[in-house]
Amino acid sequence: MIPSPDLRTQLGPLELRNPVMAASGTFGYGEEYHALFDLNQLGAIVVKGLSLKPREGNPPPRIIETPCGMLNAIGLANIGVERFLMEKLPLLEKLDTRVIVNIYGHTIGEYGEMAKRLKGIEGIAAVEVNISCPNVEHGGMAFGTDPDVSARVTEMVLKNMDKPVIVKLSPNVTDIRIVAKAVERAGAHALSLINTLAGMAIDIEGRTPKLANISGGLSGPAIRPIALYMVYQVVRSVTIPVIGIGGITTYRDALEFLIAGARAVQVGTANFVNPRATVEMVERIKEFCAERGIYSMEDLIGSLKVPQDT
């Protein structure tokens, strides 16, 4: 009898049953997909980004379709951490799959306070720290564009958190490896990348921006080659685990990131097109591995063959 592939993967102290995760901001708080399939089939669910207080986000229009992707300027709308703990976590903590809470703040202190609110809470396996938010203490510059500030945010979260800390990196920098190394030195357990790329679109008839916010974050297949290359670079620059994100639509896309060295992947925009994209990806990855005699993720992850690193 041919053994079934073991899809388990390790993210530092965090073990996932398989490498497919639902990305923050594209899977709601998990309950939205609960009726569509068994959420326990996923490696992890990363819930919608949370802040200290509820946030309505930006005015509409705030999502538009683009060639091979979409632009969004949701503005991190969410129900706030307290409502999440009272209303959403009770369902999530019944799951066997890992639940990861994405957090953000507009000051370093807010990140620390968010970590305190989640410390010791059962049912939460880890936190993912979104450092692509504007730092109101420094003129609105995104935390994730400054290596030193990124490290300080990481240190603040770690100081107030008793769970693994994953830091989500912005691609809107000159060299993402510099920020990755700074965050690693600060003590992050893992990295996830990339967040959306900054972009905009214009209505040529009205001569106005299509998004009320003018600019937004570009996601979807259009950014996949960029994301894949950044993951490839970062994997070779740090020793902590890397989670690949960016335009992953099919199991073949996911395999590219895993072969490049990512220990897991997050699926985002594809969830809007096919709500079962994540669970279908798990099954197809298992089939791919079985057909090729790959029985451990360790034999696949980082198996890219290159003449030399570039």
Protein backbone atom coordinates (compact mmCIF):
# COMPACT_ATOMS: atom_id res chain seq x y z
CA MET A 1 0.00 0.00 0.00
CA ILE A 2 1.38 3.42 -1.01
CA PRO A 3 1.60 5.72 2.02
CA SER A 4 -0.29 8.99 1.94
CA PRO A 5 1.91 12.10 1.76
CA ASP A 6 2.47 13.83 5.08
CA LEU A 7 1.68 17.50 4.44
CA ARG A 8 2.60 18.76 7.89
CA THR A 9 4.91 21.75 7.99
CA GLN A 10 6.67 23.60 10.78
CA LEU A 11 6.64 27.39 11.26
CA GLY A 12 9.10 27.72 14.12
CA PRO A 13 7.20 26.55 17.21
CA LEU A 14 3.95 26.27 15.23
CA GLU A 15 3.04 23.06 13.40
CA LEU A 16 0.42 23.11 10.63
CA ARG A 17 -1.35 20.01 9.32
CA ASN A 18 -0.68 21.24 5.78
CA PRO A 19 0.93 24.31 4.19
CA VAL A 20 -2.24 26.02 2.92
CA MET A 21 -3.48 29.00 4.92
CA ALA A 22 -6.34 31.43 4.30
CA ALA A 23 -4.94 34.97 4.09
CA SER A 24 -6.07 37.83 6.29
CA GLY A 25 -8.65 40.17 4.81
CA THR A 26 -9.92 37.60 2.33
CA PHE A 27 -11.51 35.02 4.62
CA GLY A 28 -13.45 37.24 7.01
CA TYR A 29 -13.38 35.86 10.53
CA GLY A 30 -13.67 32.27 9.32
CA GLU A 31 -17.39 31.90 9.96
CA GLU A 32 -18.20 33.26 6.50
CA TYR A 33 -16.74 30.08 4.95
CA HIS A 34 -17.86 27.68 7.66
CA ALA A 35 -20.93 26.48 5.72
CA LEU A 36 -18.96 25.90 2.51
CA PHE A 37 -16.48 23.29 3.70
CA ASP A 38 -14.82 21.85 6.78
CA LEU A 39 -12.37 24.53 7.91
CA ASN A 40 -10.31 21.87 9.66
CA GLN A 41 -9.01 20.82 6.25
CA LEU A 42 -6.83 23.93 6.14
CA GLY A 43 -3.42 24.39 7.66
CA ALA A 44 -4.47 27.66 9.25
CA ILE A 45 -6.92 30.54 9.08
CA VAL A 46 -5.61 34.08 9.38
CA VAL A 47 -8.53 36.26 10.42
CA LYS A 48 -9.29 39.76 9.17
CA GLY A 49 -6.90 42.37 10.58
CA LEU A 50 -7.92 43.65 14.00
CA SER A 51 -7.38 46.97 15.74
CA LEU A 52 -8.01 48.16 19.29
CA LYS A 53 -11.25 49.91 18.34
CA PRO A 54 -13.78 49.11 15.59
CA ARG A 55 -12.99 50.77 12.29
CA GLU A 56 -15.37 51.48 9.40
CA GLY A 57 -12.62 51.81 6.84
CA ASN A 58 -12.55 53.95 3.72
CA PRO A 59 -15.62 55.21 1.82
CA PRO A 60 -16.68 53.37 -1.37
CA PRO A 61 -15.81 52.61 -4.04
CA ARG A 62 -13.02 50.69 -2.37
CA ILE A 63 -12.61 47.55 -4.49
CA ILE A 64 -12.14 47.43 -8.25
CA GLU A 65 -11.13 44.69 -10.64
CA THR A 66 -7.92 45.10 -12.64
CA PRO A 67 -6.32 42.92 -15.32
CA CYS A 68 -5.28 39.70 -13.51
CA GLY A 69 -6.14 41.06 -10.09
CA MET A 70 -7.86 43.66 -7.98
CA LEU A 71 -7.19 46.91 -6.18
CA ASN A 72 -8.58 47.35 -2.70
CA ALA A 73 -8.66 50.31 -0.35
CA ILE A 74 -10.85 48.80 2.36
CA GLY A 75 -8.99 50.79 5.00
CA LEU A 76 -8.64 47.84 7.41
CA ALA A 77 -12.32 47.92 8.40
CA ASN A 78 -12.94 45.57 11.33
CA ILE A 79 -15.09 45.02 14.42
CA GLY A 80 -12.29 45.64 16.94
CA VAL A 81 -10.50 43.18 19.17
CA GLU A 82 -13.07 43.10 21.98
CA ARG A 83 -16.00 42.19 19.73
CA PHE A 84 -13.83 39.63 17.97
CA LEU A 85 -13.07 37.90 21.26
CA MET A 86 -16.72 37.90 22.31
CA GLU A 87 -18.48 37.20 18.99
CA LYS A 88 -16.09 35.44 16.63
CA LEU A 89 -13.59 33.49 18.69
CA PRO A 90 -16.14 31.08 20.26
CA LEU A 91 -16.66 29.40 16.87
CA LEU A 92 -13.00 29.50 15.89
CA GLU A 93 -11.73 27.96 19.12
CA LYS A 94 -13.80 24.84 18.40
CA LEU A 95 -11.73 24.17 15.28
CA ASP A 96 -8.76 21.83 15.16
CA THR A 97 -7.01 23.96 12.58
CA ARG A 98 -4.71 26.78 13.65
CA VAL A 99 -6.28 30.20 14.12
CA ILE A 100 -3.92 33.13 13.60
CA VAL A 101 -4.97 36.68 14.44
CA ASN A 102 -3.71 39.49 12.23
CA ILE A 103 -3.16 42.74 14.17
CA TYR A 104 -2.25 46.31 13.31
CA GLY A 105 -1.80 49.68 14.96
CA HIS A 106 -1.02 53.28 14.12
CA THR A 107 1.55 53.70 16.88
CA ILE A 108 4.08 51.28 18.34
CA GLY A 109 2.17 51.46 21.60
CA GLU A 110 -1.03 50.32 19.89
CA TYR A 111 0.73 47.21 18.63
CA GLY A 112 1.83 46.46 22.17
CA GLU A 113 -1.68 46.99 23.52
CA MET A 114 -3.13 44.67 20.86
CA ALA A 115 -0.66 41.98 21.91
CA LYS A 116 -1.67 42.41 25.57
CA ARG A 117 -5.36 41.95 24.70
CA LEU A 118 -4.59 38.63 22.99
CA LYS A 119 -2.09 37.28 25.48
CA GLY A 120 -3.23 34.10 27.19
CA ILE A 121 -6.36 33.73 25.05
CA GLU A 122 -7.17 30.09 24.30
CA GLY A 123 -7.93 29.20 20.69
CA ILE A 124 -5.38 31.59 19.19
CA ALA A 125 -2.28 29.81 17.88
CA ALA A 126 -0.24 32.84 16.80
CA VAL A 127 -0.43 36.49 15.78
CA GLU A 128 0.47 37.98 12.42
CA VAL A 129 1.68 41.56 12.63
CA ASN A 130 0.75 43.84 9.74
CA ILE A 131 3.48 46.48 9.53
CA SER A 132 2.16 48.07 6.32
CA CYS A 133 0.08 50.58 8.30
CA PRO A 134 0.84 54.32 8.53
CA ASN A 135 2.82 55.40 11.57
CA VAL A 136 1.02 58.50 12.84
CA GLU A 137 3.98 59.34 15.06
CA HIS A 138 6.24 59.70 12.04
CA GLY A 139 4.22 61.58 9.43
CA GLY A 140 2.18 58.64 8.21
CA MET A 141 5.11 56.63 6.81
CA ALA A 142 4.32 52.90 6.82
CA PHE A 143 6.06 51.04 9.65
CA GLY A 144 7.22 48.34 7.25
CA THR A 145 9.29 50.68 5.07
CA ASP A 146 11.77 51.40 7.87
CA PRO A 147 13.87 48.46 9.13
CA ASP A 148 14.51 50.01 12.54
CA VAL A 149 10.85 50.88 13.15
CA SER A 150 9.79 47.43 11.91
CA ALA A 151 12.15 45.89 14.46
CA ARG A 152 10.75 48.09 17.25
CA VAL A 153 7.19 47.04 16.44
CA THR A 154 8.27 43.40 16.47
CA GLU A 155 9.99 43.80 19.83
CA MET A 156 6.93 45.52 21.30
CA VAL A 157 4.61 42.71 20.21
CA LEU A 158 6.99 40.02 21.47
CA LYS A 159 7.30 41.78 24.81
CA ASN A 160 3.54 41.56 25.34
CA MET A 161 2.74 38.26 23.62
CA ASP A 162 2.97 34.63 24.73
CA LYS A 163 2.38 33.11 21.29
CA PRO A 164 4.44 32.82 18.10
CA VAL A 165 4.78 36.13 16.25
CA ILE A 166 4.68 36.26 12.45
CA VAL A 167 5.55 39.59 10.83
CA LYS A 168 3.92 40.40 7.48
CA LEU A 169 6.23 42.38 5.22
CA SER A 170 5.41 45.13 2.74
CA PRO A 171 6.78 44.86 -0.82
CA ASN A 172 6.76 48.64 -1.16
CA VAL A 173 10.43 48.97 -0.24
CA THR A 174 13.74 49.15 -2.07
CA ASP A 175 15.06 45.84 -0.70
CA ILE A 176 12.69 43.63 1.31
CA ARG A 177 15.62 41.58 2.61
CA ILE A 178 16.83 44.47 4.76
CA VAL A 179 13.50 44.69 6.60
CA ALA A 180 13.31 40.88 6.85
CA LYS A 181 16.71 40.70 8.54
CA ALA A 182 15.85 43.52 10.94
CA VAL A 183 12.64 41.79 12.00
CA GLU A 184 14.46 38.48 12.38
CA ARG A 185 17.07 40.10 14.65
CA ALA A 186 14.21 41.56 16.71
CA GLY A 187 13.03 38.02 17.46
CA ALA A 188 10.16 37.27 15.05
CA HIS A 189 9.33 33.56 14.85
CA ALA A 190 8.36 33.71 11.15
CA LEU A 191 7.74 36.07 8.24
CA SER A 192 4.86 36.30 5.78
CA LEU A 193 5.25 38.08 2.44
CA ILE A 194 4.19 39.87 0.44
CA ASN A 195 1.46 42.28 1.37
CA THR A 196 -0.22 44.14 -1.50
CA LEU A 197 1.62 46.43 -3.90
CA ALA A 198 0.59 50.08 -4.04
CA GLY A 199 -1.36 51.02 -7.17
CA MET A 200 -4.20 53.06 -8.64
CA ALA A 201 -6.66 53.18 -11.53
CA ILE A 202 -8.36 56.08 -13.33
CA ASP A 203 -11.78 56.47 -14.92
CA ILE A 204 -10.83 58.07 -18.23
CA GLU A 205 -14.37 59.32 -18.93
CA GLY A 206 -14.85 61.03 -15.60
CA ARG A 207 -11.11 61.70 -15.24
CA THR A 208 -11.30 60.66 -11.61
CA PRO A 209 -9.64 57.95 -9.55
CA LYS A 210 -11.67 54.73 -9.55
CA LEU A 211 -11.03 54.32 -5.82
CA ALA A 212 -12.35 56.94 -3.42
CA ASN A 213 -9.04 56.62 -1.58
CA ILE A 214 -7.18 57.29 -4.89
CA SER A 215 -4.69 54.47 -4.29
CA GLY A 216 -5.08 50.92 -3.08
CA GLY A 217 -3.36 47.60 -2.70
CA LEU A 218 -2.88 45.45 -5.80
CA SER A 219 -3.35 41.70 -5.32
CA GLY A 220 -4.09 38.67 -7.47
CA PRO A 221 -2.18 36.76 -10.16
CA ALA A 222 -0.63 39.97 -11.53
CA ILE A 223 1.70 40.21 -8.54
CA ARG A 224 2.65 36.51 -8.26
CA PRO A 225 6.03 36.67 -10.07
CA ILE A 226 7.07 39.63 -7.91
CA ALA A 227 5.95 37.89 -4.73
CA LEU A 228 7.69 34.66 -5.70
CA TYR A 229 10.99 36.40 -6.33
CA MET A 230 10.80 38.30 -3.04
CA VAL A 231 10.09 35.06 -1.18
CA TYR A 232 13.04 33.43 -2.95
CA GLN A 233 15.29 36.31 -1.88
CA VAL A 234 14.11 36.44 1.73
CA VAL A 235 14.31 32.67 2.24
CA ARG A 236 18.01 32.92 1.40
CA SER A 237 18.55 35.90 3.68
CA VAL A 238 17.01 34.71 6.97
CA THR A 239 16.95 31.52 9.02
CA ILE A 240 13.37 31.81 10.31
CA PRO A 241 10.43 30.29 8.36
CA VAL A 242 8.84 32.21 5.50
CA ILE A 243 5.18 32.08 4.42
CA GLY A 244 4.57 32.95 0.77
CA ILE A 245 1.70 35.21 -0.28
CA GLY A 246 0.77 36.86 -3.56
CA GLY A 247 -1.49 35.81 -6.40
CA ILE A 248 -1.64 32.13 -5.45
CA THR A 249 -4.66 30.85 -7.34
CA THR A 250 -3.93 27.18 -8.11
CA TYR A 251 -2.05 24.33 -6.47
CA ARG A 252 0.71 24.82 -9.05
CA ASP A 253 1.16 28.41 -7.87
CA ALA A 254 1.41 27.19 -4.29
CA LEU A 255 3.99 24.58 -5.27
CA GLU A 256 6.19 27.25 -6.85
CA PHE A 257 6.39 29.10 -3.54
CA LEU A 258 7.07 25.91 -1.58
CA ILE A 259 9.81 24.81 -3.97
CA ALA A 260 11.32 28.31 -3.68
CA GLY A 261 11.61 27.75 0.08
CA ALA A 262 8.38 28.99 1.66
CA ARG A 263 7.24 26.62 4.41
CA ALA A 264 3.58 27.52 3.87
CA VAL A 265 1.45 29.72 1.63
CA GLN A 266 -1.48 32.03 2.15
CA VAL A 267 -4.32 32.20 -0.36
CA GLY A 268 -6.08 35.55 -0.65
CA THR A 269 -7.76 37.02 -3.72
CA ALA A 270 -8.51 33.54 -5.08
CA ASN A 271 -11.06 33.11 -2.25
CA PHE A 272 -13.24 35.79 -3.88
CA VAL A 273 -13.27 33.89 -7.17
CA ASN A 274 -13.60 30.39 -5.76
CA PRO A 275 -14.57 30.09 -2.08
CA ARG A 276 -13.21 26.53 -2.07
CA ALA A 277 -9.85 27.47 -3.56
CA THR A 278 -7.92 26.71 -0.38
CA VAL A 279 -9.32 23.27 0.33
CA GLU A 280 -9.05 22.26 -3.34
CA MET A 281 -5.41 23.32 -3.24
CA VAL A 282 -4.73 21.02 -0.30
CA GLU A 283 -6.13 18.01 -2.17
CA ARG A 284 -4.25 18.75 -5.38
CA ILE A 285 -0.95 19.25 -3.54
CA LYS A 286 -1.47 15.87 -1.88
CA GLU A 287 -2.17 14.27 -5.28
CA PHE A 288 0.88 15.93 -6.82
CA CYS A 289 3.13 14.62 -4.06
CA ALA A 290 1.66 11.10 -4.13
CA GLU A 291 2.11 10.82 -7.90
CA ARG A 292 5.78 11.76 -7.58
CA GLY A 293 6.67 9.75 -4.51
CA ILE A 294 7.02 12.81 -2.26
CA TYR A 295 5.87 11.76 1.21
CA SER A 296 7.12 14.67 3.31
CA MET A 297 6.95 18.41 2.85
CA GLU A 298 10.61 18.51 3.80
CA ASP A 299 11.42 16.81 0.49
CA LEU A 300 9.58 19.54 -1.43
CA ILE A 301 10.21 22.77 0.48
CA GLY A 302 13.28 24.58 -0.78
CA SER A 303 14.02 21.97 -3.44
CA LEU A 304 14.58 24.54 -6.21
CA LYS A 305 17.54 23.65 -8.41
CA VAL A 306 19.55 26.69 -9.51
CA PRO A 307 23.10 26.95 -10.87
CA GLN A 308 23.80 29.62 -8.27
CA ASP A 309 21.84 31.97 -6.02
CA THR A 310 21.21 35.38 -7.57
